[in-house]
Amino acid sequence: MVLSGIDLTIVLSAVFLLFVISYIFGRREKNTNDFFLGERKIPSIVACLSFVATEVSALTIVGVPATAYSENWEYLQFFIGSAAARIMVAFLFIPVFYKYNCTSIYEFLRHRFGPQTQYAGSIFFFVTRLTASGVRLYAACMGIGIILGWSLGQSLLIFTIVSIIFIAFGGIKAVVWAGAYQTIIFFSAGIALLIYLYLHIEGGLSSAWQIADNAGRLSIFKFDFNLNDPTTFWAGTANAFFIGLAVFGTDQELMQRLLTVKTRKKSQNAIFLTIATAFPILCIYLAIGTLLYVFFQQNPQAIQPAKTKEVISYFTANFLPAGLKGLILSAIILASIDSPLSSLSSSFVMDIYRPLIRKNATEKHYLFISRTGVIGFGLILAIIAITCQPVENILWFAFEIISLTGGATLGIFLLGVLTKRKANIGNVVAMIISTLSMIALLLLSHKGVINLAWSWLIVLGTAMTFALSYLFSIYRK
């Protein structure tokens, strides 16, 4: 597809402004504290918006409308557990990270338990974040490829290079300020598309509501007691609460944003603000998915997308006018540039390289390794994204990945903040046993041997890790 002049102008302007922001706020890093924490001088509202941009990503822009288009609004149940998790993170995790002045949150595990637990926590973060972020990168590049007519390989190549340059140059200050800008674009693009769809629905809101309701597309709550259904209120809320604790509290990518503000109090205020910021974005993109369903129902002559996961990109490429097409494409492109490369690099340098490989190097050396790490992790992410092509529902798949390993890390962090028990090697053993057990349960569930939805896995994994570590701490030498 050849973009119109106005679309091309909008896209180039959006990307250019991103790099201007990166240059203004991200230049002149003096050391790793500056590169990874921005010297803790980021305003709370900016940290909040950056947090939301990272949370939203391409999975919301591409995956949430696809879920509402093909299913319903039951995904909204997850936000209840997610909001509760943010409140708990504010009072449970943020204070200890500031108490120990953590650059990487896994440094807390070293202070609390010992180096082996820190290394294990960091490695589990690498595995979880790389895999989940590979899915996010795939979602973004898939959308960009459909709109522009590029292959997945072309999209990945271009945006992997752009992401590496963007983050390697600017560090966390560039990431945080650019994230605030990205959130504004996500809002603007979503509202504009929602208005356009509404204006092209015959009969207005009442007609759209009736069509969607008759098809079961407006269902929000499902109070069934079915352990094999991941979308019930009980499974969805529990899963979102524990995933929220794992992602918001024990995942370096999101917590790193909250550690860039000056004080614990301001960091807590920032995560509280994310509740009010993320909820309307989620509702906007769910509504887009519903109206896309109504649009295609009212226009049976219009060819629908071959795959549900492609619906918003397909609609953008084939039905949107010039200008709006460029705005939606800009949102997806910016979502692809925002990546976990900074947090992966910070955890690698602070948790692995600095204590294990080279202890007493200069700050200049560590800054060089940090930027080199950004390049390495960027290439790994691209490889993972390529392997995600067979995935049908990318939103649920990303949650499934986090459910397998997130409980292992969360269980150890909860042991650290809720008890005075102390283990080290036992923690590592507990994390491995828990993760292998969750993988086994998922495989048994997929084969129909047991009836257990994937959304319960992180709950069980957290409980198993916590219990095993507690028991190991009793018998430790």
Foldseek 3Di string as FASTA:
>chain_A
DDADPLLVVLQVVLVVVLLVLLPVFFADDDFVCCQQQVVQADFLQLLLLLLLLLVCFLCLLQQLLLCLQVAAALLLLLLLLLLVLLLCLLPFFLVLCVVVVDSFSLVSVCVQFRQQSSLLLLVLLLQLQLLLQLLRLLLLLLLLCLQVVHDSVVSLVVLLVLLLVSSLRGGPRSSSNSSNVLLVLLVVLLVVLLVVLQVLFPPGPVLLCVVCVVVVSHDHAACDPFQQDCSHSVLSSVLSNLLSNLCCRSHQQSVSSLSNHDDSVSSSVSSNVSSVSNSVSSVSSSSSSSSLNSNCVVVVVDDADPASSNRVSNCLNPPDDRPSSSSSSSSSSSSSSNGSLNSSLSSCLPSPCCPPPPPDDDSVVSSVSSSVSSSVSSVSSSVSNVVCVVDRNSNVVSSLSCLLQSLLSSLSSCCSRVHSQYHRVQSSVQSVVLNVVLVVVVVCCVVVVDRHHSSCSSVSSNVSSNVSSNVCSVVPD
